[in-house]
PDB file of all heavy atoms in Angstrom:
ATOM      1  N   ALA A   1       0.812  -1.214   0.000  1.00  0.00           N
ATOM      2  CA  ALA A   1       0.000   0.000   0.000  1.00  0.00           C
ATOM      3  C   ALA A   1       0.850   1.272   0.000  1.00  0.00           C
ATOM      4  O   ALA A   1       0.347   2.361  -0.291  1.00  0.00           O
ATOM      5  CB  ALA A   1      -0.931   0.016   1.209  1.00  0.00           C
ATOM      6  N   TRP A   2       2.124   1.137   0.296  1.00  0.00           N
ATOM      7  CA  TRP A   2       3.023   2.282   0.412  1.00  0.00           C
ATOM      8  C   TRP A   2       3.884   2.406  -0.846  1.00  0.00           C
ATOM      9  O   TRP A   2       4.380   1.423  -1.359  1.00  0.00           O
ATOM     10  CB  TRP A   2       3.900   2.148   1.663  1.00  0.00           C
ATOM     11  CG  TRP A   2       3.082   2.176   2.903  1.00  0.00           C
ATOM     12  CD1 TRP A   2       2.498   1.109   3.540  1.00  0.00           C
ATOM     13  CD2 TRP A   2       2.696   3.339   3.635  1.00  0.00           C
ATOM     14  NE1 TRP A   2       1.785   1.536   4.624  1.00  0.00           N
ATOM     15  CE2 TRP A   2       1.883   2.904   4.715  1.00  0.00           C
ATOM     16  CE3 TRP A   2       2.967   4.703   3.498  1.00  0.00           C
ATOM     17  CZ2 TRP A   2       1.334   3.787   5.640  1.00  0.00           C
ATOM     18  CZ3 TRP A   2       2.425   5.588   4.420  1.00  0.00           C
ATOM     19  CH2 TRP A   2       1.624   5.129   5.477  1.00  0.00           C
ATOM     20  N   GLU A   3       4.046   3.630  -1.303  1.00  0.00           N
ATOM     21  CA  GLU A   3       4.733   3.899  -2.568  1.00  0.00           C
ATOM     22  C   GLU A   3       5.873   4.885  -2.340  1.00  0.00           C
ATOM     23  O   GLU A   3       5.707   5.874  -1.619  1.00  0.00           O
ATOM     24  CB  GLU A   3       3.725   4.497  -3.552  1.00  0.00           C
ATOM     25  CG  GLU A   3       4.275   4.808  -4.918  1.00  0.00           C
ATOM     26  CD  GLU A   3       3.209   5.387  -5.839  1.00  0.00           C
ATOM     27  OE1 GLU A   3       2.299   6.084  -5.335  1.00  0.00           O
ATOM     28  OE2 GLU A   3       3.287   5.150  -7.052  1.00  0.00           O
ATOM     29  N   GLN A   4       7.012   4.601  -2.949  1.00  0.00           N
ATOM     30  CA  GLN A   4       8.100   5.573  -2.885  1.00  0.00           C
ATOM     31  C   GLN A   4       7.775   6.725  -3.832  1.00  0.00           C
ATOM     32  O   GLN A   4       7.487   6.519  -5.006  1.00  0.00           O
ATOM     33  CB  GLN A   4       9.433   4.942  -3.255  1.00  0.00           C
ATOM     34  CG  GLN A   4      10.613   5.886  -3.003  1.00  0.00           C
ATOM     35  CD  GLN A   4      11.962   5.266  -3.304  1.00  0.00           C
ATOM     36  OE1 GLN A   4      12.039   4.253  -3.974  1.00  0.00           O
ATOM     37  NE2 GLN A   4      13.015   5.873  -2.812  1.00  0.00           N
ATOM     38  N   THR A   5       7.808   7.943  -3.289  1.00  0.00           N
ATOM     39  CA  THR A   5       7.443   9.124  -4.063  1.00  0.00           C
ATOM     40  C   THR A   5       8.442  10.253  -3.806  1.00  0.00           C
ATOM     41  O   THR A   5       9.247  10.196  -2.874  1.00  0.00           O
ATOM     42  CB  THR A   5       6.029   9.624  -3.696  1.00  0.00           C
ATOM     43  OG1 THR A   5       5.984   9.943  -2.290  1.00  0.00           O
ATOM     44  CG2 THR A   5       4.972   8.580  -4.010  1.00  0.00           C
ATOM     45  N   SER A   6       8.333  11.277  -4.634  1.00  0.00           N
ATOM     46  CA  SER A   6       9.103  12.505  -4.437  1.00  0.00           C
ATOM     47  C   SER A   6       8.314  13.644  -5.056  1.00  0.00           C
ATOM     48  O   SER A   6       7.908  13.559  -6.215  1.00  0.00           O
ATOM     49  CB  SER A   6      10.483  12.396  -5.086  1.00  0.00           C
ATOM     50  OG  SER A   6      11.224  13.594  -4.892  1.00  0.00           O
ATOM     51  N   MET A   7       8.053  14.671  -4.293  1.00  0.00           N
ATOM     52  CA  MET A   7       7.300  15.830  -4.758  1.00  0.00           C
ATOM     53  C   MET A   7       5.910  15.454  -5.270  1.00  0.00           C
ATOM     54  O   MET A   7       5.363  16.096  -6.164  1.00  0.00           O
ATOM     55  CB  MET A   7       8.066  16.573  -5.853  1.00  0.00           C
ATOM     56  CG  MET A   7       9.461  16.994  -5.458  1.00  0.00           C
ATOM     57  SD  MET A   7       9.457  18.168  -4.070  1.00  0.00           S
ATOM     58  CE  MET A   7      11.230  18.414  -3.835  1.00  0.00           C
ATOM     59  N   GLY A   8       5.348  14.366  -4.719  1.00  0.00           N
ATOM     60  CA  GLY A   8       3.978  14.001  -5.051  1.00  0.00           C
ATOM     61  C   GLY A   8       3.802  13.007  -6.176  1.00  0.00           C
ATOM     62  O   GLY A   8       2.668  12.658  -6.513  1.00  0.00           O
ATOM     63  N   ILE A   9       4.902  12.512  -6.757  1.00  0.00           N
ATOM     64  CA  ILE A   9       4.802  11.540  -7.848  1.00  0.00           C
ATOM     65  C   ILE A   9       5.688  10.337  -7.545  1.00  0.00           C
ATOM     66  O   ILE A   9       6.616  10.432  -6.741  1.00  0.00           O
ATOM     67  CB  ILE A   9       5.197  12.163  -9.203  1.00  0.00           C
ATOM     68  CG1 ILE A   9       6.650  12.652  -9.179  1.00  0.00           C
ATOM     69  CG2 ILE A   9       4.236  13.295  -9.584  1.00  0.00           C
ATOM     70  CD1 ILE A   9       7.167  13.095 -10.535  1.00  0.00           C
ATOM     71  N   PRO A  10       5.427   9.198  -8.192  1.00  0.00           N
ATOM     72  CA  PRO A  10       6.272   8.016  -7.969  1.00  0.00           C
ATOM     73  C   PRO A  10       7.738   8.309  -8.279  1.00  0.00           C
ATOM     74  O   PRO A  10       8.061   9.047  -9.212  1.00  0.00           O
ATOM     75  CB  PRO A  10       5.697   6.987  -8.949  1.00  0.00           C
ATOM     76  CG  PRO A  10       4.277   7.405  -9.131  1.00  0.00           C
ATOM     77  CD  PRO A  10       4.292   8.904  -9.077  1.00  0.00           C
ATOM     78  N   ALA A  11       8.633   7.741  -7.480  1.00  0.00           N
ATOM     79  CA  ALA A  11      10.061   8.010  -7.638  1.00  0.00           C
ATOM     80  C   ALA A  11      10.866   6.826  -7.133  1.00  0.00           C
ATOM     81  O   ALA A  11      10.366   5.982  -6.383  1.00  0.00           O
ATOM     82  CB  ALA A  11      10.448   9.272  -6.878  1.00  0.00           C
ATOM     83  N   ARG A  12      12.133   6.784  -7.558  1.00  0.00           N
ATOM     84  CA  ARG A  12      13.116   5.864  -6.992  1.00  0.00           C
ATOM     85  C   ARG A  12      14.365   6.672  -6.690  1.00  0.00           C
ATOM     86  O   ARG A  12      14.922   7.323  -7.584  1.00  0.00           O
ATOM     87  CB  ARG A  12      13.435   4.730  -7.968  1.00  0.00           C
ATOM     88  CG  ARG A  12      12.275   3.763  -8.204  1.00  0.00           C
ATOM     89  CD  ARG A  12      12.746   2.508  -8.939  1.00  0.00           C
ATOM     90  NE  ARG A  12      13.355   2.827 -10.220  1.00  0.00           N
ATOM     91  CZ  ARG A  12      14.305   2.105 -10.802  1.00  0.00           C
ATOM     92  NH1 ARG A  12      14.809   1.042 -10.181  1.00  0.00           N
ATOM     93  NH2 ARG A  12      14.793   2.451 -11.984  1.00  0.00           N
ATOM     94  N   VAL A  13      14.778   6.648  -5.437  1.00  0.00           N
ATOM     95  CA  VAL A  13      15.897   7.480  -4.994  1.00  0.00           C
ATOM     96  C   VAL A  13      17.134   6.618  -4.772  1.00  0.00           C
ATOM     97  O   VAL A  13      17.067   5.582  -4.098  1.00  0.00           O
ATOM     98  CB  VAL A  13      15.527   8.240  -3.706  1.00  0.00           C
ATOM     99  CG1 VAL A  13      16.734   8.990  -3.151  1.00  0.00           C
ATOM    100  CG2 VAL A  13      14.383   9.206  -3.975  1.00  0.00           C
ATOM    101  N   LEU A  14      18.235   7.042  -5.318  1.00  0.00           N
ATOM    102  CA  LEU A  14      19.501   6.337  -5.149  1.00  0.00           C
ATOM    103  C   LEU A  14      19.886   6.254  -3.674  1.00  0.00           C
ATOM    104  O   LEU A  14      19.870   7.262  -2.961  1.00  0.00           O
ATOM    105  CB  LEU A  14      20.607   7.063  -5.916  1.00  0.00           C
ATOM    106  CG  LEU A  14      20.635   6.873  -7.441  1.00  0.00           C
ATOM    107  CD1 LEU A  14      21.557   7.914  -8.069  1.00  0.00           C
ATOM    108  CD2 LEU A  14      21.102   5.471  -7.793  1.00  0.00           C
ATOM    109  N   GLY A  15      20.200   5.055  -3.212  1.00  0.00           N
ATOM    110  CA  GLY A  15      20.648   4.877  -1.839  1.00  0.00           C
ATOM    111  C   GLY A  15      19.541   4.811  -0.813  1.00  0.00           C
ATOM    112  O   GLY A  15      19.819   4.798   0.385  1.00  0.00           O
ATOM    113  N   ALA A  16      18.278   4.757  -1.257  1.00  0.00           N
ATOM    114  CA  ALA A  16      17.153   4.713  -0.312  1.00  0.00           C
ATOM    115  C   ALA A  16      16.384   3.413  -0.471  1.00  0.00           C
ATOM    116  O   ALA A  16      16.158   2.952  -1.593  1.00  0.00           O
ATOM    117  CB  ALA A  16      16.227   5.894  -0.547  1.00  0.00           C
ATOM    118  N   LYS A  17      15.993   2.827   0.651  1.00  0.00           N
ATOM    119  CA  LYS A  17      15.180   1.618   0.606  1.00  0.00           C
ATOM    120  C   LYS A  17      14.265   1.565   1.822  1.00  0.00           C
ATOM    121  O   LYS A  17      14.505   2.251   2.827  1.00  0.00           O
ATOM    122  CB  LYS A  17      16.054   0.370   0.546  1.00  0.00           C
ATOM    123  CG  LYS A  17      16.920   0.147   1.770  1.00  0.00           C
ATOM    124  CD  LYS A  17      17.765  -1.127   1.625  1.00  0.00           C
ATOM    125  CE  LYS A  17      18.620  -1.382   2.867  1.00  0.00           C
ATOM    126  NZ  LYS A  17      19.417  -2.631   2.731  1.00  0.00           N
ATOM    127  N   ALA A  18      13.220   0.768   1.702  1.00  0.00           N
ATOM    128  CA  ALA A  18      12.267   0.613   2.809  1.00  0.00           C
ATOM    129  C   ALA A  18      11.990  -0.863   3.015  1.00  0.00           C
ATOM    130  O   ALA A  18      11.997  -1.659   2.064  1.00  0.00           O
ATOM    131  CB  ALA A  18      10.978   1.360   2.517  1.00  0.00           C
ATOM    132  N   SER A  19      11.730  -1.225   4.263  1.00  0.00           N
ATOM    133  CA  SER A  19      11.435  -2.618   4.590  1.00  0.00           C
ATOM    134  C   SER A  19      10.626  -2.671   5.873  1.00  0.00           C
ATOM    135  O   SER A  19      10.490  -1.662   6.588  1.00  0.00           O
ATOM    136  CB  SER A  19      12.737  -3.414   4.755  1.00  0.00           C
ATOM    137  OG  SER A  19      13.521  -2.877   5.816  1.00  0.00           O
ATOM    138  N   LEU A  20      10.102  -3.848   6.168  1.00  0.00           N
ATOM    139  CA  LEU A  20       9.452  -4.074   7.448  1.00  0.00           C
ATOM    140  C   LEU A  20      10.517  -4.404   8.489  1.00  0.00           C
ATOM    141  O   LEU A  20      11.447  -5.166   8.218  1.00  0.00           O
ATOM    142  CB  LEU A  20       8.444  -5.217   7.349  1.00  0.00           C
ATOM    143  CG  LEU A  20       7.207  -4.962   6.494  1.00  0.00           C
ATOM    144  CD1 LEU A  20       6.382  -6.237   6.388  1.00  0.00           C
ATOM    145  CD2 LEU A  20       6.369  -3.824   7.081  1.00  0.00           C
ATOM    146  N   TYR A  21      10.370  -3.836   9.674  1.00  0.00           N
ATOM    147  CA  TYR A  21      11.335  -4.045  10.754  1.00  0.00           C
ATOM    148  C   TYR A  21      10.587  -4.630  11.943  1.00  0.00           C
ATOM    149  O   TYR A  21       9.583  -4.058  12.397  1.00  0.00           O
ATOM    150  CB  TYR A  21      11.980  -2.711  11.125  1.00  0.00           C
ATOM    151  CG  TYR A  21      13.138  -2.824  12.077  1.00  0.00           C
ATOM    152  CD1 TYR A  21      14.366  -3.335  11.668  1.00  0.00           C
ATOM    153  CD2 TYR A  21      13.014  -2.398  13.401  1.00  0.00           C
ATOM    154  CE1 TYR A  21      15.437  -3.418  12.540  1.00  0.00           C
ATOM    155  CE2 TYR A  21      14.079  -2.479  14.280  1.00  0.00           C
ATOM    156  CZ  TYR A  21      15.289  -2.997  13.842  1.00  0.00           C
ATOM    157  OH  TYR A  21      16.344  -3.078  14.711  1.00  0.00           O
ATOM    158  N   THR A  22      11.062  -5.763  12.430  1.00  0.00           N
ATOM    159  CA  THR A  22      10.314  -6.496  13.447  1.00  0.00           C
ATOM    160  C   THR A  22      10.905  -6.406  14.852  1.00  0.00           C
ATOM    161  O   THR A  22      10.355  -6.993  15.783  1.00  0.00           O
ATOM    162  CB  THR A  22      10.202  -7.981  13.047  1.00  0.00           C
ATOM    163  OG1 THR A  22      11.520  -8.518  12.859  1.00  0.00           O
ATOM    164  CG2 THR A  22       9.408  -8.141  11.753  1.00  0.00           C
ATOM    165  N   GLU A  23      12.008  -5.675  15.003  1.00  0.00           N
ATOM    166  CA  GLU A  23      12.607  -5.531  16.329  1.00  0.00           C
ATOM    167  C   GLU A  23      12.118  -4.240  16.987  1.00  0.00           C
ATOM    168  O   GLU A  23      12.403  -3.149  16.505  1.00  0.00           O
ATOM    169  CB  GLU A  23      14.133  -5.527  16.227  1.00  0.00           C
ATOM    170  CG  GLU A  23      14.726  -6.843  15.745  1.00  0.00           C
ATOM    171  CD  GLU A  23      16.243  -6.814  15.734  1.00  0.00           C
ATOM    172  OE1 GLU A  23      16.815  -6.028  16.519  1.00  0.00           O
ATOM    173  OE2 GLU A  23      16.849  -7.554  14.941  1.00  0.00           O
ATOM    174  N   LYS A  24      11.383  -4.374  18.055  1.00  0.00           N
ATOM    175  CA  LYS A  24      10.896  -3.248  18.842  1.00  0.00           C
ATOM    176  C   LYS A  24      10.093  -2.232  18.029  1.00  0.00           C
ATOM    177  O   LYS A  24      10.412  -1.032  17.991  1.00  0.00           O
ATOM    178  CB  LYS A  24      12.061  -2.532  19.545  1.00  0.00           C
ATOM    179  CG  LYS A  24      12.807  -3.416  20.529  1.00  0.00           C
ATOM    180  CD  LYS A  24      13.923  -2.660  21.224  1.00  0.00           C
ATOM    181  CE  LYS A  24      14.656  -3.549  22.219  1.00  0.00           C
ATOM    182  NZ  LYS A  24      15.772  -2.839  22.888  1.00  0.00           N
ATOM    183  N   PRO A  25       9.018  -2.682  17.342  1.00  0.00           N
ATOM    184  CA  PRO A  25       8.120  -1.715  16.718  1.00  0.00           C
ATOM    185  C   PRO A  25       7.367  -0.935  17.785  1.00  0.00           C
ATOM    186  O   PRO A  25       7.383  -1.309  18.970  1.00  0.00           O
ATOM    187  CB  PRO A  25       7.174  -2.595  15.902  1.00  0.00           C
ATOM    188  CG  PRO A  25       7.170  -3.902  16.625  1.00  0.00           C
ATOM    189  CD  PRO A  25       8.560  -4.070  17.168  1.00  0.00           C
ATOM    190  N   PHE A  26       6.688   0.119  17.396  1.00  0.00           N
ATOM    191  CA  PHE A  26       5.924   0.893  18.376  1.00  0.00           C
ATOM    192  C   PHE A  26       4.785   0.054  18.941  1.00  0.00           C
ATOM    193  O   PHE A  26       4.545   0.031  20.151  1.00  0.00           O
ATOM    194  CB  PHE A  26       5.367   2.159  17.717  1.00  0.00           C
ATOM    195  CG  PHE A  26       4.539   3.005  18.648  1.00  0.00           C
ATOM    196  CD1 PHE A  26       5.151   3.767  19.638  1.00  0.00           C
ATOM    197  CD2 PHE A  26       3.156   3.050  18.536  1.00  0.00           C
ATOM    198  CE1 PHE A  26       4.393   4.551  20.501  1.00  0.00           C
ATOM    199  CE2 PHE A  26       2.393   3.833  19.394  1.00  0.00           C
ATOM    200  CZ  PHE A  26       3.018   4.584  20.381  1.00  0.00           C
ATOM    201  N   GLU A  27       4.077  -0.625  18.043  1.00  0.00           N
ATOM    202  CA  GLU A  27       3.015  -1.560  18.437  1.00  0.00           C
ATOM    203  C   GLU A  27       3.017  -2.733  17.476  1.00  0.00           C
ATOM    204  O   GLU A  27       3.524  -2.647  16.356  1.00  0.00           O
ATOM    205  CB  GLU A  27       1.644  -0.871  18.405  1.00  0.00           C
ATOM    206  CG  GLU A  27       1.389   0.083  19.543  1.00  0.00           C
ATOM    207  CD  GLU A  27      -0.052   0.586  19.567  1.00  0.00           C
ATOM    208  OE1 GLU A  27      -0.791   0.353  18.597  1.00  0.00           O
ATOM    209  OE2 GLU A  27      -0.410   1.211  20.570  1.00  0.00           O
ATOM    210  N   GLY A  28       2.447  -3.836  17.909  1.00  0.00           N
ATOM    211  CA  GLY A  28       2.311  -4.984  17.027  1.00  0.00           C
ATOM    212  C   GLY A  28       3.624  -5.692  16.765  1.00  0.00           C
ATOM    213  O   GLY A  28       4.541  -5.695  17.593  1.00  0.00           O
ATOM    214  N   LYS A  29       3.739  -6.258  15.545  1.00  0.00           N
ATOM    215  CA  LYS A  29       4.885  -7.102  15.216  1.00  0.00           C
ATOM    216  C   LYS A  29       5.891  -6.441  14.278  1.00  0.00           C
ATOM    217  O   LYS A  29       6.998  -6.956  14.118  1.00  0.00           O
ATOM    218  CB  LYS A  29       4.387  -8.396  14.582  1.00  0.00           C
ATOM    219  CG  LYS A  29       3.521  -9.253  15.517  1.00  0.00           C
ATOM    220  CD  LYS A  29       3.059 -10.523  14.808  1.00  0.00           C
ATOM    221  CE  LYS A  29       2.188 -11.369  15.730  1.00  0.00           C
ATOM    222  NZ  LYS A  29       1.715 -12.606  15.043  1.00  0.00           N
ATOM    223  N   ALA A  30       5.510  -5.317  13.626  1.00  0.00           N
ATOM    224  CA  ALA A  30       6.422  -4.729  12.640  1.00  0.00           C
ATOM    225  C   ALA A  30       6.154  -3.233  12.490  1.00  0.00           C
ATOM    226  O   ALA A  30       5.079  -2.728  12.828  1.00  0.00           O
ATOM    227  CB  ALA A  30       6.277  -5.423  11.286  1.00  0.00           C
ATOM    228  N   CYS A  31       7.159  -2.550  11.966  1.00  0.00           N
ATOM    229  CA  CYS A  31       7.029  -1.137  11.632  1.00  0.00           C
ATOM    230  C   CYS A  31       7.727  -0.905  10.296  1.00  0.00           C
ATOM    231  O   CYS A  31       8.353  -1.807   9.734  1.00  0.00           O
ATOM    232  CB  CYS A  31       7.620  -0.239  12.723  1.00  0.00           C
ATOM    233  SG  CYS A  31       9.410  -0.423  12.945  1.00  0.00           S
ATOM    234  N   LEU A  32       7.622   0.298   9.782  1.00  0.00           N
ATOM    235  CA  LEU A  32       8.316   0.679   8.553  1.00  0.00           C
ATOM    236  C   LEU A  32       9.705   1.198   8.886  1.00  0.00           C
ATOM    237  O   LEU A  32       9.858   2.081   9.727  1.00  0.00           O
ATOM    238  CB  LEU A  32       7.519   1.765   7.829  1.00  0.00           C
ATOM    239  CG  LEU A  32       8.214   2.459   6.638  1.00  0.00           C
ATOM    240  CD1 LEU A  32       8.473   1.470   5.520  1.00  0.00           C
ATOM    241  CD2 LEU A  32       7.392   3.645   6.147  1.00  0.00           C
ATOM    242  N   LEU A  33      10.709   0.645   8.216  1.00  0.00           N
ATOM    243  CA  LEU A  33      12.079   1.129   8.344  1.00  0.00           C
ATOM    244  C   LEU A  33      12.504   1.719   7.004  1.00  0.00           C
ATOM    245  O   LEU A  33      12.504   1.023   5.989  1.00  0.00           O
ATOM    246  CB  LEU A  33      13.029  -0.003   8.740  1.00  0.00           C
ATOM    247  CG  LEU A  33      14.534   0.286   8.601  1.00  0.00           C
ATOM    248  CD1 LEU A  33      14.962   1.472   9.460  1.00  0.00           C
ATOM    249  CD2 LEU A  33      15.347  -0.967   8.946  1.00  0.00           C
ATOM    250  N   MET A  34      12.863   2.991   7.010  1.00  0.00           N
ATOM    251  CA  MET A  34      13.411   3.657   5.844  1.00  0.00           C
ATOM    252  C   MET A  34      14.902   3.865   6.082  1.00  0.00           C
ATOM    253  O   MET A  34      15.288   4.458   7.087  1.00  0.00           O
ATOM    254  CB  MET A  34      12.711   4.995   5.594  1.00  0.00           C
ATOM    255  CG  MET A  34      11.240   4.838   5.244  1.00  0.00           C
ATOM    256  SD  MET A  34      10.286   6.380   5.353  1.00  0.00           S
ATOM    257  CE  MET A  34      11.303   7.493   4.403  1.00  0.00           C
ATOM    258  N   GLU A  35      15.719   3.370   5.163  1.00  0.00           N
ATOM    259  CA  GLU A  35      17.174   3.490   5.288  1.00  0.00           C
ATOM    260  C   GLU A  35      17.720   4.334   4.138  1.00  0.00           C
ATOM    261  O   GLU A  35      17.511   4.013   2.975  1.00  0.00           O
ATOM    262  CB  GLU A  35      17.822   2.109   5.263  1.00  0.00           C
ATOM    263  CG  GLU A  35      17.426   1.211   6.430  1.00  0.00           C
ATOM    264  CD  GLU A  35      18.092  -0.138   6.367  1.00  0.00           C
ATOM    265  OE1 GLU A  35      19.277  -0.234   6.744  1.00  0.00           O
ATOM    266  OE2 GLU A  35      17.438  -1.106   5.923  1.00  0.00           O
ATOM    267  N   ASN A  36      18.417   5.389   4.493  1.00  0.00           N
ATOM    268  CA  ASN A  36      19.065   6.253   3.505  1.00  0.00           C
ATOM    269  C   ASN A  36      20.579   6.104   3.604  1.00  0.00           C
ATOM    270  O   ASN A  36      21.156   6.315   4.671  1.00  0.00           O
ATOM    271  CB  ASN A  36      18.690   7.722   3.743  1.00  0.00           C
ATOM    272  CG  ASN A  36      17.247   8.026   3.411  1.00  0.00           C
ATOM    273  OD1 ASN A  36      16.528   7.173   2.884  1.00  0.00           O
ATOM    274  ND2 ASN A  36      16.805   9.235   3.715  1.00  0.00           N
ATOM    275  N   ASN A  37      21.176   5.746   2.504  1.00  0.00           N
ATOM    276  CA  ASN A  37      22.632   5.661   2.403  1.00  0.00           C
ATOM    277  C   ASN A  37      23.032   6.390   1.119  1.00  0.00           C
ATOM    278  O   ASN A  37      23.421   5.772   0.127  1.00  0.00           O
ATOM    279  CB  ASN A  37      23.095   4.208   2.388  1.00  0.00           C
ATOM    280  CG  ASN A  37      24.608   4.084   2.416  1.00  0.00           C
ATOM    281  OD1 ASN A  37      25.310   4.999   2.848  1.00  0.00           O
ATOM    282  ND2 ASN A  37      25.117   2.973   1.929  1.00  0.00           N
ATOM    283  N   MET A  38      22.875   7.697   1.152  1.00  0.00           N
ATOM    284  CA  MET A  38      23.008   8.510  -0.054  1.00  0.00           C
ATOM    285  C   MET A  38      24.401   9.107  -0.173  1.00  0.00           C
ATOM    286  O   MET A  38      25.070   9.384   0.834  1.00  0.00           O
ATOM    287  CB  MET A  38      21.979   9.649  -0.023  1.00  0.00           C
ATOM    288  CG  MET A  38      20.541   9.166   0.092  1.00  0.00           C
ATOM    289  SD  MET A  38      19.417  10.519   0.504  1.00  0.00           S
ATOM    290  CE  MET A  38      17.845   9.669   0.481  1.00  0.00           C
ATOM    291  N   MET A  39      24.830   9.319  -1.398  1.00  0.00           N
ATOM    292  CA  MET A  39      26.093  10.005  -1.666  1.00  0.00           C
ATOM    293  C   MET A  39      25.799  11.506  -1.679  1.00  0.00           C
ATOM    294  O   MET A  39      25.346  12.053  -2.695  1.00  0.00           O
ATOM    295  CB  MET A  39      26.662   9.552  -3.006  1.00  0.00           C
ATOM    296  CG  MET A  39      26.997   8.069  -3.049  1.00  0.00           C
ATOM    297  SD  MET A  39      28.326   7.604  -1.894  1.00  0.00           S
ATOM    298  CE  MET A  39      29.719   8.426  -2.660  1.00  0.00           C
ATOM    299  N   LEU A  40      26.003  12.151  -0.556  1.00  0.00           N
ATOM    300  CA  LEU A  40      25.665  13.561  -0.413  1.00  0.00           C
ATOM    301  C   LEU A  40      26.839  14.439  -0.747  1.00  0.00           C
ATOM    302  O   LEU A  40      27.982  14.137  -0.400  1.00  0.00           O
ATOM    303  CB  LEU A  40      25.179  13.844   1.015  1.00  0.00           C
ATOM    304  CG  LEU A  40      23.966  13.020   1.484  1.00  0.00           C
ATOM    305  CD1 LEU A  40      23.674  13.322   2.943  1.00  0.00           C
ATOM    306  CD2 LEU A  40      22.737  13.310   0.631  1.00  0.00           C
TER     307      LEU A  40
END
């Protein structure tokens, strides 16, 4: 249901990824983890 976007449109950003994270979510069994490893 979640889409990577930028400025309101679909996008793919270099060095960025998202996944489900199951260690110590706020509630339940998982949360969203966004990882940025960009060449700035």
